[in-house]
Amino acid sequence: MKLYKRVDGELHYWQTWDIDDKKGAIQKGIVGQRGDYKEIKSGLLSSFRKVIQKEVDNYCEDGYEEVADSSNKCNFSNLGSQV
């Protein structure tokens, strides 16, 4: 999953993916730059997917959006000049 938000004229991204059944990854930053990366592991009583879902919810509340058109290619024009 990839989320985007325009901040001060720069396009920021937040993305996540599964590494395996017990671990996922999160990367965030400015489009065109490497960004920050961290791995989230499942614990004895918690799933990494629940932890990541909380982050997804927080980023969406902060104005990040998943942007894709019907051909599954990113369509950044929908973001306009959001701050």
PDB file of N, CA and C in Angstrom:
ATOM      1  N   MET A   1       0.840  -1.168   0.000  1.00  0.00           N
ATOM      2  CA  MET A   1       0.000   0.000   0.000  1.00  0.00           C
ATOM      3  C   MET A   1       0.890   1.237   0.000  1.00  0.00           C
ATOM      4  N   LYS A   2       0.505   2.220  -0.799  1.00  0.00           N
ATOM      5  CA  LYS A   2       1.242   3.480  -0.864  1.00  0.00           C
ATOM      6  C   LYS A   2       0.276   4.634  -0.628  1.00  0.00           C
ATOM      7  N   LEU A   3       0.671   5.546   0.236  1.00  0.00           N
ATOM      8  CA  LEU A   3      -0.113   6.742   0.530  1.00  0.00           C
ATOM      9  C   LEU A   3       0.719   7.964   0.188  1.00  0.00           C
ATOM     10  N   TYR A   4       0.053   9.039  -0.244  1.00  0.00           N
ATOM     11  CA  TYR A   4       0.759  10.257  -0.644  1.00  0.00           C
ATOM     12  C   TYR A   4       0.073  11.488  -0.066  1.00  0.00           C
ATOM     13  N   LYS A   5       0.878  12.538   0.138  1.00  0.00           N
ATOM     14  CA  LYS A   5       0.357  13.827   0.576  1.00  0.00           C
ATOM     15  C   LYS A   5       1.332  14.911   0.118  1.00  0.00           C
ATOM     16  N   ARG A   6       0.774  16.003  -0.421  1.00  0.00           N
ATOM     17  CA  ARG A   6       1.613  17.130  -0.825  1.00  0.00           C
ATOM     18  C   ARG A   6       1.774  18.056   0.383  1.00  0.00           C
ATOM     19  N   VAL A   7       3.035  18.344   0.748  1.00  0.00           N
ATOM     20  CA  VAL A   7       3.348  19.210   1.883  1.00  0.00           C
ATOM     21  C   VAL A   7       4.368  20.246   1.422  1.00  0.00           C
ATOM     22  N   ASP A   8       4.015  21.523   1.542  1.00  0.00           N
ATOM     23  CA  ASP A   8       4.916  22.617   1.148  1.00  0.00           C
ATOM     24  C   ASP A   8       5.492  22.412  -0.248  1.00  0.00           C
ATOM     25  N   GLY A   9       4.654  21.968  -1.179  1.00  0.00           N
ATOM     26  CA  GLY A   9       5.076  21.803  -2.566  1.00  0.00           C
ATOM     27  C   GLY A   9       5.835  20.521  -2.858  1.00  0.00           C
ATOM     28  N   GLU A  10       6.056  19.680  -1.848  1.00  0.00           N
ATOM     29  CA  GLU A  10       6.764  18.413  -2.060  1.00  0.00           C
ATOM     30  C   GLU A  10       5.790  17.261  -1.829  1.00  0.00           C
ATOM     31  N   LEU A  11       5.936  16.212  -2.630  1.00  0.00           N
ATOM     32  CA  LEU A  11       5.079  15.049  -2.519  1.00  0.00           C
ATOM     33  C   LEU A  11       5.705  14.055  -1.543  1.00  0.00           C
ATOM     34  N   HIS A  12       5.027  13.838  -0.431  1.00  0.00           N
ATOM     35  CA  HIS A  12       5.483  12.891   0.589  1.00  0.00           C
ATOM     36  C   HIS A  12       4.788  11.554   0.372  1.00  0.00           C
ATOM     37  N   TYR A  13       5.471  10.472   0.741  1.00  0.00           N
ATOM     38  CA  TYR A  13       4.891   9.143   0.601  1.00  0.00           C
ATOM     39  C   TYR A  13       5.043   8.359   1.890  1.00  0.00           C
ATOM     40  N   TRP A  14       4.190   7.393   2.052  1.00  0.00           N
ATOM     41  CA  TRP A  14       4.254   6.409   3.130  1.00  0.00           C
ATOM     42  C   TRP A  14       3.832   5.105   2.498  1.00  0.00           C
ATOM     43  N   GLN A  15       4.628   4.057   2.657  1.00  0.00           N
ATOM     44  CA  GLN A  15       4.272   2.778   2.040  1.00  0.00           C
ATOM     45  C   GLN A  15       4.591   1.622   2.973  1.00  0.00           C
ATOM     46  N   THR A  16       3.895   0.525   2.755  1.00  0.00           N
ATOM     47  CA  THR A  16       4.111  -0.668   3.567  1.00  0.00           C
ATOM     48  C   THR A  16       3.977  -1.919   2.704  1.00  0.00           C
ATOM     49  N   TRP A  17       4.635  -2.979   3.140  1.00  0.00           N
ATOM     50  CA  TRP A  17       4.520  -4.272   2.468  1.00  0.00           C
ATOM     51  C   TRP A  17       4.914  -5.362   3.455  1.00  0.00           C
ATOM     52  N   ASP A  18       4.456  -6.588   3.192  1.00  0.00           N
ATOM     53  CA  ASP A  18       4.813  -7.745   4.011  1.00  0.00           C
ATOM     54  C   ASP A  18       6.181  -8.254   3.587  1.00  0.00           C
ATOM     55  N   ILE A  19       7.002  -8.548   4.566  1.00  0.00           N
ATOM     56  CA  ILE A  19       8.295  -9.193   4.294  1.00  0.00           C
ATOM     57  C   ILE A  19       8.096 -10.704   4.319  1.00  0.00           C
ATOM     58  N   ASP A  20       7.402 -11.179   5.342  1.00  0.00           N
ATOM     59  CA  ASP A  20       7.026 -12.586   5.458  1.00  0.00           C
ATOM     60  C   ASP A  20       5.793 -12.664   6.355  1.00  0.00           C
ATOM     61  N   ASP A  21       5.462 -13.852   6.870  1.00  0.00           N
ATOM     62  CA  ASP A  21       4.248 -14.024   7.677  1.00  0.00           C
ATOM     63  C   ASP A  21       4.327 -13.369   9.056  1.00  0.00           C
ATOM     64  N   LYS A  22       5.517 -13.009   9.496  1.00  0.00           N
ATOM     65  CA  LYS A  22       5.679 -12.448  10.841  1.00  0.00           C
ATOM     66  C   LYS A  22       6.277 -11.057  10.862  1.00  0.00           C
ATOM     67  N   LYS A  23       6.485 -10.473   9.682  1.00  0.00           N
ATOM     68  CA  LYS A  23       7.194  -9.202   9.631  1.00  0.00           C
ATOM     69  C   LYS A  23       6.742  -8.379   8.431  1.00  0.00           C
ATOM     70  N   GLY A  24       6.612  -7.064   8.643  1.00  0.00           N
ATOM     71  CA  GLY A  24       6.283  -6.144   7.570  1.00  0.00           C
ATOM     72  C   GLY A  24       7.251  -4.978   7.569  1.00  0.00           C
ATOM     73  N   ALA A  25       7.198  -4.171   6.520  1.00  0.00           N
ATOM     74  CA  ALA A  25       8.095  -3.021   6.401  1.00  0.00           C
ATOM     75  C   ALA A  25       7.278  -1.757   6.176  1.00  0.00           C
ATOM     76  N   ILE A  26       7.826  -0.647   6.657  1.00  0.00           N
ATOM     77  CA  ILE A  26       7.255   0.673   6.432  1.00  0.00           C
ATOM     78  C   ILE A  26       8.377   1.568   5.928  1.00  0.00           C
ATOM     79  N   GLN A  27       8.071   2.362   4.909  1.00  0.00           N
ATOM     80  CA  GLN A  27       9.027   3.348   4.404  1.00  0.00           C
ATOM     81  C   GLN A  27       8.269   4.642   4.179  1.00  0.00           C
ATOM     82  N   LYS A  28       8.878   5.771   4.576  1.00  0.00           N
ATOM     83  CA  LYS A  28       8.239   7.070   4.379  1.00  0.00           C
ATOM     84  C   LYS A  28       9.290   8.106   4.046  1.00  0.00           C
ATOM     85  N   GLY A  29       8.863   9.141   3.318  1.00  0.00           N
ATOM     86  CA  GLY A  29       9.790  10.204   2.964  1.00  0.00           C
ATOM     87  C   GLY A  29       9.207  11.085   1.877  1.00  0.00           C
ATOM     88  N   ILE A  30      10.079  11.722   1.135  1.00  0.00           N
ATOM     89  CA  ILE A  30       9.708  12.596   0.032  1.00  0.00           C
ATOM     90  C   ILE A  30       9.977  11.844  -1.270  1.00  0.00           C
ATOM     91  N   VAL A  31       9.025  11.895  -2.198  1.00  0.00           N
ATOM     92  CA  VAL A  31       9.180  11.196  -3.473  1.00  0.00           C
ATOM     93  C   VAL A  31      10.476  11.646  -4.142  1.00  0.00           C
ATOM     94  N   GLY A  32      11.255  10.674  -4.607  1.00  0.00           N
ATOM     95  CA  GLY A  32      12.538  10.950  -5.242  1.00  0.00           C
ATOM     96  C   GLY A  32      13.710  10.817  -4.292  1.00  0.00           C
ATOM     97  N   GLN A  33      13.408  10.659  -2.994  1.00  0.00           N
ATOM     98  CA  GLN A  33      14.455  10.461  -1.999  1.00  0.00           C
ATOM     99  C   GLN A  33      14.259   9.095  -1.350  1.00  0.00           C
ATOM    100  N   ARG A  34      15.299   8.606  -0.708  1.00  0.00           N
ATOM    101  CA  ARG A  34      15.265   7.266  -0.128  1.00  0.00           C
ATOM    102  C   ARG A  34      14.253   7.140   1.009  1.00  0.00           C
ATOM    103  N   GLY A  35      14.189   8.064   1.915  1.00  0.00           N
ATOM    104  CA  GLY A  35      13.232   8.012   3.016  1.00  0.00           C
ATOM    105  C   GLY A  35      13.700   7.148   4.169  1.00  0.00           C
ATOM    106  N   ASP A  36      12.835   7.047   5.175  1.00  0.00           N
ATOM    107  CA  ASP A  36      13.113   6.262   6.383  1.00  0.00           C
ATOM    108  C   ASP A  36      12.455   4.893   6.254  1.00  0.00           C
ATOM    109  N   TYR A  37      13.148   3.874   6.741  1.00  0.00           N
ATOM    110  CA  TYR A  37      12.683   2.492   6.635  1.00  0.00           C
ATOM    111  C   TYR A  37      12.697   1.855   8.009  1.00  0.00           C
ATOM    112  N   LYS A  38      11.644   1.096   8.325  1.00  0.00           N
ATOM    113  CA  LYS A  38      11.675   0.303   9.550  1.00  0.00           C
ATOM    114  C   LYS A  38      10.877  -0.973   9.351  1.00  0.00           C
ATOM    115  N   GLU A  39      11.255  -1.979  10.112  1.00  0.00           N
ATOM    116  CA  GLU A  39      10.555  -3.257  10.069  1.00  0.00           C
ATOM    117  C   GLU A  39       9.709  -3.398  11.331  1.00  0.00           C
ATOM    118  N   ILE A  40       8.520  -3.962  11.150  1.00  0.00           N
ATOM    119  CA  ILE A  40       7.594  -4.202  12.252  1.00  0.00           C
ATOM    120  C   ILE A  40       7.433  -5.710  12.377  1.00  0.00           C
ATOM    121  N   LYS A  41       7.691  -6.238  13.570  1.00  0.00           N
ATOM    122  CA  LYS A  41       7.595  -7.681  13.800  1.00  0.00           C
ATOM    123  C   LYS A  41       6.391  -7.997  14.675  1.00  0.00           C
ATOM    124  N   SER A  42       5.803  -9.165  14.444  1.00  0.00           N
ATOM    125  CA  SER A  42       4.731  -9.636  15.306  1.00  0.00           C
ATOM    126  C   SER A  42       5.321 -10.044  16.646  1.00  0.00           C
ATOM    127  N   GLY A  43       4.572  -9.794  17.709  1.00  0.00           N
ATOM    128  CA  GLY A  43       4.978 -10.228  19.044  1.00  0.00           C
ATOM    129  C   GLY A  43       4.176 -11.451  19.449  1.00  0.00           C
ATOM    130  N   LEU A  44       4.336 -11.861  20.686  1.00  0.00           N
ATOM    131  CA  LEU A  44       3.601 -13.024  21.179  1.00  0.00           C
ATOM    132  C   LEU A  44       2.096 -12.790  21.144  1.00  0.00           C
ATOM    133  N   LEU A  45       1.677 -11.579  21.465  1.00  0.00           N
ATOM    134  CA  LEU A  45       0.249 -11.283  21.548  1.00  0.00           C
ATOM    135  C   LEU A  45      -0.227 -10.260  20.522  1.00  0.00           C
ATOM    136  N   SER A  46       0.652  -9.872  19.602  1.00  0.00           N
ATOM    137  CA  SER A  46       0.251  -8.855  18.631  1.00  0.00           C
ATOM    138  C   SER A  46       0.724  -9.220  17.228  1.00  0.00           C
ATOM    139  N   SER A  47      -0.063  -8.796  16.260  1.00  0.00           N
ATOM    140  CA  SER A  47       0.265  -9.020  14.860  1.00  0.00           C
ATOM    141  C   SER A  47       0.884  -7.748  14.284  1.00  0.00           C
ATOM    142  N   PHE A  48       1.909  -7.884  13.485  1.00  0.00           N
ATOM    143  CA  PHE A  48       2.516  -6.708  12.855  1.00  0.00           C
ATOM    144  C   PHE A  48       1.492  -5.999  11.977  1.00  0.00           C
ATOM    145  N   ARG A  49       0.553  -6.744  11.423  1.00  0.00           N
ATOM    146  CA  ARG A  49      -0.459  -6.133  10.554  1.00  0.00           C
ATOM    147  C   ARG A  49      -1.366  -5.171  11.326  1.00  0.00           C
ATOM    148  N   LYS A  50      -1.666  -5.472  12.583  1.00  0.00           N
ATOM    149  CA  LYS A  50      -2.471  -4.563  13.401  1.00  0.00           C
ATOM    150  C   LYS A  50      -1.704  -3.284  13.699  1.00  0.00           C
ATOM    151  N   VAL A  51      -0.416  -3.410  13.964  1.00  0.00           N
ATOM    152  CA  VAL A  51       0.426  -2.238  14.219  1.00  0.00           C
ATOM    153  C   VAL A  51       0.482  -1.365  12.977  1.00  0.00           C
ATOM    154  N   ILE A  52       0.684  -1.977  11.827  1.00  0.00           N
ATOM    155  CA  ILE A  52       0.750  -1.231  10.572  1.00  0.00           C
ATOM    156  C   ILE A  52      -0.602  -0.602  10.251  1.00  0.00           C
ATOM    157  N   GLN A  53      -1.699  -1.315  10.513  1.00  0.00           N
ATOM    158  CA  GLN A  53      -3.021  -0.747  10.239  1.00  0.00           C
ATOM    159  C   GLN A  53      -3.266   0.514  11.065  1.00  0.00           C
ATOM    160  N   LYS A  54      -2.791   0.542  12.296  1.00  0.00           N
ATOM    161  CA  LYS A  54      -2.913   1.752  13.117  1.00  0.00           C
ATOM    162  C   LYS A  54      -2.167   2.919  12.476  1.00  0.00           C
ATOM    163  N   GLU A  55      -0.986   2.641  11.923  1.00  0.00           N
ATOM    164  CA  GLU A  55      -0.227   3.689  11.234  1.00  0.00           C
ATOM    165  C   GLU A  55      -0.956   4.152   9.974  1.00  0.00           C
ATOM    166  N   VAL A  56      -1.527   3.214   9.229  1.00  0.00           N
ATOM    167  CA  VAL A  56      -2.304   3.574   8.039  1.00  0.00           C
ATOM    168  C   VAL A  56      -3.428   4.522   8.440  1.00  0.00           C
ATOM    169  N   ASP A  57      -4.165   4.163   9.483  1.00  0.00           N
ATOM    170  CA  ASP A  57      -5.272   4.995   9.951  1.00  0.00           C
ATOM    171  C   ASP A  57      -4.792   6.389  10.333  1.00  0.00           C
ATOM    172  N   ASN A  58      -3.665   6.462  11.042  1.00  0.00           N
ATOM    173  CA  ASN A  58      -3.119   7.766  11.459  1.00  0.00           C
ATOM    174  C   ASN A  58      -2.707   8.614  10.259  1.00  0.00           C
ATOM    175  N   TYR A  59      -2.043   8.018   9.286  1.00  0.00           N
ATOM    176  CA  TYR A  59      -1.613   8.774   8.105  1.00  0.00           C
ATOM    177  C   TYR A  59      -2.817   9.232   7.282  1.00  0.00           C
ATOM    178  N   CYS A  60      -3.848   8.394   7.182  1.00  0.00           N
ATOM    179  CA  CYS A  60      -5.055   8.797   6.451  1.00  0.00           C
ATOM    180  C   CYS A  60      -5.757   9.951   7.166  1.00  0.00           C
ATOM    181  N   GLU A  61      -5.805   9.909   8.482  1.00  0.00           N
ATOM    182  CA  GLU A  61      -6.388  11.006   9.245  1.00  0.00           C
ATOM    183  C   GLU A  61      -5.596  12.293   9.051  1.00  0.00           C
ATOM    184  N   ASP A  62      -4.300  12.155   8.783  1.00  0.00           N
ATOM    185  CA  ASP A  62      -3.427  13.312   8.573  1.00  0.00           C
ATOM    186  C   ASP A  62      -3.477  13.818   7.126  1.00  0.00           C
ATOM    187  N   GLY A  63      -4.313  13.216   6.294  1.00  0.00           N
ATOM    188  CA  GLY A  63      -4.483  13.714   4.932  1.00  0.00           C
ATOM    189  C   GLY A  63      -3.775  12.931   3.848  1.00  0.00           C
ATOM    190  N   TYR A  64      -3.084  11.868   4.189  1.00  0.00           N
ATOM    191  CA  TYR A  64      -2.460  11.028   3.161  1.00  0.00           C
ATOM    192  C   TYR A  64      -3.546  10.243   2.434  1.00  0.00           C
ATOM    193  N   GLU A  65      -3.347  10.025   1.129  1.00  0.00           N
ATOM    194  CA  GLU A  65      -4.328   9.315   0.316  1.00  0.00           C
ATOM    195  C   GLU A  65      -3.654   8.256  -0.525  1.00  0.00           C
ATOM    196  N   GLU A  66      -4.390   7.175  -0.754  1.00  0.00           N
ATOM    197  CA  GLU A  66      -3.947   6.169  -1.706  1.00  0.00           C
ATOM    198  C   GLU A  66      -4.435   6.647  -3.073  1.00  0.00           C
ATOM    199  N   VAL A  67      -3.525   6.762  -4.046  1.00  0.00           N
ATOM    200  CA  VAL A  67      -3.870   7.345  -5.336  1.00  0.00           C
ATOM    201  C   VAL A  67      -3.524   6.361  -6.444  1.00  0.00           C
ATOM    202  N   ALA A  68      -4.568   5.908  -7.144  1.00  0.00           N
ATOM    203  CA  ALA A  68      -4.351   5.017  -8.292  1.00  0.00           C
ATOM    204  C   ALA A  68      -5.531   5.175  -9.230  1.00  0.00           C
ATOM    205  N   ASP A  69      -5.281   5.039 -10.523  1.00  0.00           N
ATOM    206  CA  ASP A  69      -6.391   5.062 -11.466  1.00  0.00           C
ATOM    207  C   ASP A  69      -6.751   3.628 -11.839  1.00  0.00           C
ATOM    208  N   SER A  70      -7.664   3.448 -12.759  1.00  0.00           N
ATOM    209  CA  SER A  70      -8.151   2.111 -13.087  1.00  0.00           C
ATOM    210  C   SER A  70      -7.075   1.201 -13.680  1.00  0.00           C
ATOM    211  N   SER A  71      -6.015   1.769 -14.235  1.00  0.00           N
ATOM    212  CA  SER A  71      -4.950   0.937 -14.802  1.00  0.00           C
ATOM    213  C   SER A  71      -3.879   0.624 -13.761  1.00  0.00           C
ATOM    214  N   ASN A  72      -4.140   1.014 -12.496  1.00  0.00           N
ATOM    215  CA  ASN A  72      -3.243   0.726 -11.376  1.00  0.00           C
ATOM    216  C   ASN A  72      -1.944   1.512 -11.438  1.00  0.00           C
ATOM    217  N   LYS A  73      -1.908   2.598 -12.203  1.00  0.00           N
ATOM    218  CA  LYS A  73      -0.747   3.476 -12.233  1.00  0.00           C
ATOM    219  C   LYS A  73      -1.054   4.677 -11.359  1.00  0.00           C
ATOM    220  N   CYS A  74      -0.063   5.193 -10.707  1.00  0.00           N
ATOM    221  CA  CYS A  74      -0.274   6.334  -9.820  1.00  0.00           C
ATOM    222  C   CYS A  74      -0.759   7.546 -10.601  1.00  0.00           C
ATOM    223  N   ASN A  75      -1.670   8.268 -10.010  1.00  0.00           N
ATOM    224  CA  ASN A  75      -2.224   9.469 -10.625  1.00  0.00           C
ATOM    225  C   ASN A  75      -2.122  10.595  -9.609  1.00  0.00           C
ATOM    226  N   PHE A  76      -1.004  11.305  -9.598  1.00  0.00           N
ATOM    227  CA  PHE A  76      -0.739  12.320  -8.599  1.00  0.00           C
ATOM    228  C   PHE A  76      -1.569  13.584  -8.798  1.00  0.00           C
ATOM    229  N   SER A  77      -2.206  13.754  -9.946  1.00  0.00           N
ATOM    230  CA  SER A  77      -2.970  14.969 -10.180  1.00  0.00           C
ATOM    231  C   SER A  77      -4.126  15.097  -9.203  1.00  0.00           C
ATOM    232  N   ASN A  78      -4.595  14.001  -8.653  1.00  0.00           N
ATOM    233  CA  ASN A  78      -5.678  14.050  -7.671  1.00  0.00           C
ATOM    234  C   ASN A  78      -5.267  14.755  -6.388  1.00  0.00           C
ATOM    235  N   LEU A  79      -3.982  14.865  -6.122  1.00  0.00           N
ATOM    236  CA  LEU A  79      -3.512  15.466  -4.877  1.00  0.00           C
ATOM    237  C   LEU A  79      -3.516  16.980  -4.917  1.00  0.00           C
ATOM    238  N   GLY A  80      -3.588  17.556  -6.103  1.00  0.00           N
ATOM    239  CA  GLY A  80      -3.617  19.013  -6.209  1.00  0.00           C
ATOM    240  C   GLY A  80      -2.483  19.657  -5.457  1.00  0.00           C
ATOM    241  N   SER A  81      -2.801  20.705  -4.720  1.00  0.00           N
ATOM    242  CA  SER A  81      -1.765  21.403  -3.950  1.00  0.00           C
ATOM    243  C   SER A  81      -2.087  21.343  -2.469  1.00  0.00           C
ATOM    244  N   GLN A  82      -2.461  20.154  -1.985  1.00  0.00           N
ATOM    245  CA  GLN A  82      -2.791  19.987  -0.584  1.00  0.00           C
ATOM    246  C   GLN A  82      -1.600  20.318   0.295  1.00  0.00           C
ATOM    247  N   VAL A  83      -1.869  20.869   1.448  1.00  0.00           N
ATOM    248  CA  VAL A  83      -0.798  21.168   2.413  1.00  0.00           C
ATOM    249  C   VAL A  83      -1.027  20.358   3.649  1.00  0.00           C
TER     250      VAL A  83
END
